[in-house]
Amino acid sequence: MAKTLLSMHDLGRRALGCHNVQDIAINRVTDERAENNWSLCVLSAGAADANTAARAALYVQSVLRRDYDLMTD
């Protein structure tokens, strides 16, 4: 099944589900051997616990990577 292509902005909106996390970054992966063309990291945990936010980001990344790829420019 083909993955849906999303812009960096739209992918970030889907990933930022925790209302306490203030900011995330979607990073483009350019290694052609990589299974996915993007990664996610928490920039600011805000009121959320930083360790919990980091673990949640890894989970959200794994779930979203099943269905979405980042659009190329």
PDB file of N, CA and C in Angstrom:
ATOM      1  N   MET A   1       0.846  -1.183   0.000  1.00  0.00           N
ATOM      2  CA  MET A   1       0.000   0.000   0.000  1.00  0.00           C
ATOM      3  C   MET A   1       0.889   1.242   0.000  1.00  0.00           C
ATOM      4  N   ALA A   2       0.593   2.162  -0.876  1.00  0.00           N
ATOM      5  CA  ALA A   2       1.375   3.396  -0.989  1.00  0.00           C
ATOM      6  C   ALA A   2       1.086   4.322   0.190  1.00  0.00           C
ATOM      7  N   LYS A   3       2.119   5.030   0.594  1.00  0.00           N
ATOM      8  CA  LYS A   3       1.966   5.990   1.683  1.00  0.00           C
ATOM      9  C   LYS A   3       1.437   7.304   1.136  1.00  0.00           C
ATOM     10  N   THR A   4       0.737   8.027   1.978  1.00  0.00           N
ATOM     11  CA  THR A   4       0.239   9.355   1.643  1.00  0.00           C
ATOM     12  C   THR A   4       1.376  10.353   1.804  1.00  0.00           C
ATOM     13  N   LEU A   5       1.525  11.244   0.833  1.00  0.00           N
ATOM     14  CA  LEU A   5       2.548  12.284   0.913  1.00  0.00           C
ATOM     15  C   LEU A   5       1.966  13.504   1.602  1.00  0.00           C
ATOM     16  N   LEU A   6       2.705  14.032   2.571  1.00  0.00           N
ATOM     17  CA  LEU A   6       2.274  15.228   3.301  1.00  0.00           C
ATOM     18  C   LEU A   6       3.383  16.272   3.271  1.00  0.00           C
ATOM     19  N   SER A   7       2.981  17.524   3.357  1.00  0.00           N
ATOM     20  CA  SER A   7       3.957  18.601   3.498  1.00  0.00           C
ATOM     21  C   SER A   7       4.538  18.542   4.904  1.00  0.00           C
ATOM     22  N   MET A   8       5.662  19.201   5.112  1.00  0.00           N
ATOM     23  CA  MET A   8       6.283  19.238   6.433  1.00  0.00           C
ATOM     24  C   MET A   8       5.313  19.846   7.452  1.00  0.00           C
ATOM     25  N   HIS A   9       4.594  20.877   7.041  1.00  0.00           N
ATOM     26  CA  HIS A   9       3.629  21.538   7.928  1.00  0.00           C
ATOM     27  C   HIS A   9       2.507  20.574   8.332  1.00  0.00           C
ATOM     28  N   ASP A  10       1.924  19.875   7.357  1.00  0.00           N
ATOM     29  CA  ASP A  10       0.814  18.967   7.652  1.00  0.00           C
ATOM     30  C   ASP A  10       1.262  17.771   8.485  1.00  0.00           C
ATOM     31  N   LEU A  11       2.446  17.268   8.205  1.00  0.00           N
ATOM     32  CA  LEU A  11       2.973  16.162   8.990  1.00  0.00           C
ATOM     33  C   LEU A  11       3.205  16.607  10.436  1.00  0.00           C
ATOM     34  N   GLY A  12       3.735  17.808  10.616  1.00  0.00           N
ATOM     35  CA  GLY A  12       3.935  18.351  11.954  1.00  0.00           C
ATOM     36  C   GLY A  12       2.635  18.523  12.714  1.00  0.00           C
ATOM     37  N   ARG A  13       1.598  18.961  12.025  1.00  0.00           N
ATOM     38  CA  ARG A  13       0.287  19.127  12.677  1.00  0.00           C
ATOM     39  C   ARG A  13      -0.270  17.789  13.149  1.00  0.00           C
ATOM     40  N   ARG A  14      -0.086  16.749  12.353  1.00  0.00           N
ATOM     41  CA  ARG A  14      -0.565  15.423  12.750  1.00  0.00           C
ATOM     42  C   ARG A  14       0.250  14.874  13.925  1.00  0.00           C
ATOM     43  N   ALA A  15       1.530  15.177  13.920  1.00  0.00           N
ATOM     44  CA  ALA A  15       2.417  14.646  14.964  1.00  0.00           C
ATOM     45  C   ALA A  15       2.252  15.356  16.299  1.00  0.00           C
ATOM     46  N   LEU A  16       1.871  16.604  16.283  1.00  0.00           N
ATOM     47  CA  LEU A  16       1.796  17.394  17.518  1.00  0.00           C
ATOM     48  C   LEU A  16       0.446  17.174  18.185  1.00  0.00           C
ATOM     49  N   GLY A  17       0.263  15.971  18.731  1.00  0.00           N
ATOM     50  CA  GLY A  17      -1.010  15.628  19.351  1.00  0.00           C
ATOM     51  C   GLY A  17      -1.057  15.923  20.834  1.00  0.00           C
ATOM     52  N   CYS A  18       0.079  15.943  21.482  1.00  0.00           N
ATOM     53  CA  CYS A  18       0.113  16.206  22.920  1.00  0.00           C
ATOM     54  C   CYS A  18      -0.016  17.704  23.144  1.00  0.00           C
ATOM     55  N   HIS A  19      -1.080  18.112  23.820  1.00  0.00           N
ATOM     56  CA  HIS A  19      -1.329  19.544  23.982  1.00  0.00           C
ATOM     57  C   HIS A  19      -0.297  20.227  24.869  1.00  0.00           C
ATOM     58  N   ASN A  20       0.453  19.456  25.668  1.00  0.00           N
ATOM     59  CA  ASN A  20       1.460  20.063  26.534  1.00  0.00           C
ATOM     60  C   ASN A  20       2.782  20.333  25.827  1.00  0.00           C
ATOM     61  N   VAL A  21       3.094  19.551  24.788  1.00  0.00           N
ATOM     62  CA  VAL A  21       4.340  19.757  24.042  1.00  0.00           C
ATOM     63  C   VAL A  21       4.197  21.024  23.222  1.00  0.00           C
ATOM     64  N   GLN A  22       5.180  21.922  23.342  1.00  0.00           N
ATOM     65  CA  GLN A  22       5.075  23.209  22.667  1.00  0.00           C
ATOM     66  C   GLN A  22       5.577  23.194  21.235  1.00  0.00           C
ATOM     67  N   ASP A  23       6.676  22.462  20.962  1.00  0.00           N
ATOM     68  CA  ASP A  23       7.241  22.531  19.620  1.00  0.00           C
ATOM     69  C   ASP A  23       7.962  21.234  19.266  1.00  0.00           C
ATOM     70  N   ILE A  24       7.793  20.832  18.015  1.00  0.00           N
ATOM     71  CA  ILE A  24       8.489  19.665  17.479  1.00  0.00           C
ATOM     72  C   ILE A  24       9.176  20.073  16.186  1.00  0.00           C
ATOM     73  N   ALA A  25      10.048  19.215  15.706  1.00  0.00           N
ATOM     74  CA  ALA A  25      10.679  19.430  14.409  1.00  0.00           C
ATOM     75  C   ALA A  25      10.514  18.170  13.575  1.00  0.00           C
ATOM     76  N   ILE A  26      10.177  18.364  12.328  1.00  0.00           N
ATOM     77  CA  ILE A  26      10.174  17.291  11.349  1.00  0.00           C
ATOM     78  C   ILE A  26      11.447  17.488  10.535  1.00  0.00           C
ATOM     79  N   ASN A  27      12.289  16.475  10.504  1.00  0.00           N
ATOM     80  CA  ASN A  27      13.566  16.563   9.796  1.00  0.00           C
ATOM     81  C   ASN A  27      13.536  15.665   8.569  1.00  0.00           C
ATOM     82  N   ARG A  28      13.994  16.189   7.457  1.00  0.00           N
ATOM     83  CA  ARG A  28      14.057  15.415   6.223  1.00  0.00           C
ATOM     84  C   ARG A  28      15.257  14.462   6.294  1.00  0.00           C
ATOM     85  N   VAL A  29      15.034  13.202   5.955  1.00  0.00           N
ATOM     86  CA  VAL A  29      16.093  12.200   5.884  1.00  0.00           C
ATOM     87  C   VAL A  29      16.435  12.007   4.415  1.00  0.00           C
ATOM     88  N   THR A  30      17.691  12.240   4.066  1.00  0.00           N
ATOM     89  CA  THR A  30      18.075  12.196   2.649  1.00  0.00           C
ATOM     90  C   THR A  30      18.814  10.924   2.258  1.00  0.00           C
ATOM     91  N   ASP A  31      19.089  10.052   3.206  1.00  0.00           N
ATOM     92  CA  ASP A  31      19.772   8.794   2.902  1.00  0.00           C
ATOM     93  C   ASP A  31      18.819   7.897   2.103  1.00  0.00           C
ATOM     94  N   GLU A  32      19.205   7.577   0.874  1.00  0.00           N
ATOM     95  CA  GLU A  32      18.341   6.772  -0.001  1.00  0.00           C
ATOM     96  C   GLU A  32      18.123   5.364   0.528  1.00  0.00           C
ATOM     97  N   ARG A  33      19.001   4.896   1.411  1.00  0.00           N
ATOM     98  CA  ARG A  33      18.873   3.546   1.970  1.00  0.00           C
ATOM     99  C   ARG A  33      17.905   3.504   3.145  1.00  0.00           C
ATOM    100  N   ALA A  34      17.534   4.653   3.677  1.00  0.00           N
ATOM    101  CA  ALA A  34      16.630   4.710   4.831  1.00  0.00           C
ATOM    102  C   ALA A  34      15.220   4.293   4.419  1.00  0.00           C
ATOM    103  N   GLU A  35      14.526   3.652   5.328  1.00  0.00           N
ATOM    104  CA  GLU A  35      13.154   3.214   5.050  1.00  0.00           C
ATOM    105  C   GLU A  35      12.179   4.384   4.997  1.00  0.00           C
ATOM    106  N   ASN A  36      12.484   5.453   5.715  1.00  0.00           N
ATOM    107  CA  ASN A  36      11.597   6.613   5.791  1.00  0.00           C
ATOM    108  C   ASN A  36      12.354   7.867   5.418  1.00  0.00           C
ATOM    109  N   ASN A  37      11.613   8.874   4.930  1.00  0.00           N
ATOM    110  CA  ASN A  37      12.282  10.108   4.495  1.00  0.00           C
ATOM    111  C   ASN A  37      12.106  11.261   5.477  1.00  0.00           C
ATOM    112  N   TRP A  38      11.723  10.946   6.729  1.00  0.00           N
ATOM    113  CA  TRP A  38      11.599  11.994   7.738  1.00  0.00           C
ATOM    114  C   TRP A  38      11.782  11.404   9.139  1.00  0.00           C
ATOM    115  N   SER A  39      12.101  12.283  10.068  1.00  0.00           N
ATOM    116  CA  SER A  39      12.177  11.907  11.478  1.00  0.00           C
ATOM    117  C   SER A  39      11.570  13.032  12.304  1.00  0.00           C
ATOM    118  N   LEU A  40      11.300  12.751  13.546  1.00  0.00           N
ATOM    119  CA  LEU A  40      10.606  13.677  14.432  1.00  0.00           C
ATOM    120  C   LEU A  40      11.396  13.836  15.721  1.00  0.00           C
ATOM    121  N   CYS A  41      11.464  15.054  16.229  1.00  0.00           N
ATOM    122  CA  CYS A  41      12.059  15.264  17.546  1.00  0.00           C
ATOM    123  C   CYS A  41      11.318  16.394  18.263  1.00  0.00           C
ATOM    124  N   VAL A  42      11.356  16.345  19.589  1.00  0.00           N
ATOM    125  CA  VAL A  42      10.724  17.368  20.423  1.00  0.00           C
ATOM    126  C   VAL A  42      11.729  18.491  20.636  1.00  0.00           C
ATOM    127  N   LEU A  43      11.351  19.709  20.307  1.00  0.00           N
ATOM    128  CA  LEU A  43      12.198  20.876  20.541  1.00  0.00           C
ATOM    129  C   LEU A  43      11.925  21.501  21.898  1.00  0.00           C
ATOM    130  N   SER A  44      10.649  21.541  22.278  1.00  0.00           N
ATOM    131  CA  SER A  44      10.268  22.123  23.560  1.00  0.00           C
ATOM    132  C   SER A  44       9.135  21.302  24.156  1.00  0.00           C
ATOM    133  N   ALA A  45       9.406  20.692  25.306  1.00  0.00           N
ATOM    134  CA  ALA A  45       8.386  19.870  25.959  1.00  0.00           C
ATOM    135  C   ALA A  45       7.327  20.719  26.649  1.00  0.00           C
ATOM    136  N   GLY A  46       7.586  21.997  26.842  1.00  0.00           N
ATOM    137  CA  GLY A  46       6.609  22.864  27.502  1.00  0.00           C
ATOM    138  C   GLY A  46       6.302  22.353  28.894  1.00  0.00           C
ATOM    139  N   ALA A  47       5.033  22.176  29.216  1.00  0.00           N
ATOM    140  CA  ALA A  47       4.612  21.711  30.535  1.00  0.00           C
ATOM    141  C   ALA A  47       4.734  20.199  30.688  1.00  0.00           C
ATOM    142  N   ALA A  48       4.977  19.497  29.587  1.00  0.00           N
ATOM    143  CA  ALA A  48       5.098  18.035  29.646  1.00  0.00           C
ATOM    144  C   ALA A  48       6.469  17.637  30.198  1.00  0.00           C
ATOM    145  N   ASP A  49       6.535  16.469  30.819  1.00  0.00           N
ATOM    146  CA  ASP A  49       7.806  15.911  31.263  1.00  0.00           C
ATOM    147  C   ASP A  49       8.651  15.609  30.017  1.00  0.00           C
ATOM    148  N   ALA A  50       9.908  16.040  30.004  1.00  0.00           N
ATOM    149  CA  ALA A  50      10.757  15.914  28.820  1.00  0.00           C
ATOM    150  C   ALA A  50      10.954  14.455  28.413  1.00  0.00           C
ATOM    151  N   ASN A  51      11.171  13.562  29.368  1.00  0.00           N
ATOM    152  CA  ASN A  51      11.363  12.141  29.036  1.00  0.00           C
ATOM    153  C   ASN A  51      10.094  11.517  28.478  1.00  0.00           C
ATOM    154  N   THR A  52       8.975  11.865  29.064  1.00  0.00           N
ATOM    155  CA  THR A  52       7.695  11.353  28.572  1.00  0.00           C
ATOM    156  C   THR A  52       7.421  11.875  27.169  1.00  0.00           C
ATOM    157  N   ALA A  53       7.711  13.153  26.938  1.00  0.00           N
ATOM    158  CA  ALA A  53       7.505  13.746  25.615  1.00  0.00           C
ATOM    159  C   ALA A  53       8.396  13.076  24.568  1.00  0.00           C
ATOM    160  N   ALA A  54       9.638  12.766  24.922  1.00  0.00           N
ATOM    161  CA  ALA A  54      10.557  12.108  23.995  1.00  0.00           C
ATOM    162  C   ALA A  54      10.072  10.698  23.654  1.00  0.00           C
ATOM    163  N   ARG A  55       9.609   9.959  24.652  1.00  0.00           N
ATOM    164  CA  ARG A  55       9.072   8.612  24.394  1.00  0.00           C
ATOM    165  C   ARG A  55       7.819   8.676  23.544  1.00  0.00           C
ATOM    166  N   ALA A  56       6.958   9.642  23.829  1.00  0.00           N
ATOM    167  CA  ALA A  56       5.737   9.795  23.042  1.00  0.00           C
ATOM    168  C   ALA A  56       6.069  10.145  21.598  1.00  0.00           C
ATOM    169  N   ALA A  57       7.083  10.976  21.394  1.00  0.00           N
ATOM    170  CA  ALA A  57       7.490  11.357  20.033  1.00  0.00           C
ATOM    171  C   ALA A  57       7.957  10.143  19.239  1.00  0.00           C
ATOM    172  N   LEU A  58       8.708   9.246  19.883  1.00  0.00           N
ATOM    173  CA  LEU A  58       9.148   8.026  19.200  1.00  0.00           C
ATOM    174  C   LEU A  58       7.963   7.153  18.802  1.00  0.00           C
ATOM    175  N   TYR A  59       6.991   7.061  19.687  1.00  0.00           N
ATOM    176  CA  TYR A  59       5.796   6.278  19.376  1.00  0.00           C
ATOM    177  C   TYR A  59       5.013   6.905  18.226  1.00  0.00           C
ATOM    178  N   VAL A  60       4.766   8.206  18.313  1.00  0.00           N
ATOM    179  CA  VAL A  60       4.019   8.907  17.263  1.00  0.00           C
ATOM    180  C   VAL A  60       4.747   8.786  15.930  1.00  0.00           C
ATOM    181  N   GLN A  61       6.067   8.921  15.962  1.00  0.00           N
ATOM    182  CA  GLN A  61       6.857   8.783  14.738  1.00  0.00           C
ATOM    183  C   GLN A  61       6.647   7.397  14.122  1.00  0.00           C
ATOM    184  N   SER A  62       6.703   6.356  14.931  1.00  0.00           N
ATOM    185  CA  SER A  62       6.550   5.003  14.390  1.00  0.00           C
ATOM    186  C   SER A  62       5.161   4.783  13.795  1.00  0.00           C
ATOM    187  N   VAL A  63       4.147   5.320  14.428  1.00  0.00           N
ATOM    188  CA  VAL A  63       2.781   5.172  13.935  1.00  0.00           C
ATOM    189  C   VAL A  63       2.594   5.949  12.621  1.00  0.00           C
ATOM    190  N   LEU A  64       3.035   7.198  12.604  1.00  0.00           N
ATOM    191  CA  LEU A  64       2.842   8.022  11.412  1.00  0.00           C
ATOM    192  C   LEU A  64       3.692   7.556  10.229  1.00  0.00           C
ATOM    193  N   ARG A  65       4.855   6.985  10.508  1.00  0.00           N
ATOM    194  CA  ARG A  65       5.712   6.505   9.419  1.00  0.00           C
ATOM    195  C   ARG A  65       5.069   5.362   8.647  1.00  0.00           C
ATOM    196  N   ARG A  66       4.141   4.652   9.242  1.00  0.00           N
ATOM    197  CA  ARG A  66       3.453   3.567   8.537  1.00  0.00           C
ATOM    198  C   ARG A  66       2.616   4.095   7.363  1.00  0.00           C
ATOM    199  N   ASP A  67       2.069   5.289   7.533  1.00  0.00           N
ATOM    200  CA  ASP A  67       1.106   5.810   6.559  1.00  0.00           C
ATOM    201  C   ASP A  67       1.569   7.022   5.771  1.00  0.00           C
ATOM    202  N   TYR A  68       2.592   7.727   6.261  1.00  0.00           N
ATOM    203  CA  TYR A  68       2.935   9.009   5.642  1.00  0.00           C
ATOM    204  C   TYR A  68       4.426   9.126   5.288  1.00  0.00           C
ATOM    205  N   ASP A  69       4.660   9.708   4.134  1.00  0.00           N
ATOM    206  CA  ASP A  69       5.993  10.122   3.709  1.00  0.00           C
ATOM    207  C   ASP A  69       5.965  11.622   3.528  1.00  0.00           C
ATOM    208  N   LEU A  70       7.137  12.217   3.634  1.00  0.00           N
ATOM    209  CA  LEU A  70       7.273  13.657   3.464  1.00  0.00           C
ATOM    210  C   LEU A  70       7.364  13.986   1.979  1.00  0.00           C
ATOM    211  N   MET A  71       6.607  14.992   1.560  1.00  0.00           N
ATOM    212  CA  MET A  71       6.674  15.451   0.165  1.00  0.00           C
ATOM    213  C   MET A  71       8.066  15.959  -0.145  1.00  0.00           C
ATOM    214  N   THR A  72       8.509  15.740  -1.352  1.00  0.00           N
ATOM    215  CA  THR A  72       9.766  16.341  -1.774  1.00  0.00           C
ATOM    216  C   THR A  72       9.498  17.745  -2.274  1.00  0.00           C
ATOM    217  N   ASP A  73      10.511  18.597  -2.190  1.00  0.00           N
ATOM    218  CA  ASP A  73      10.327  19.995  -2.615  1.00  0.00           C
ATOM    219  C   ASP A  73      10.193  20.134  -4.106  1.00  0.00           C
TER     220      ASP A  73
END
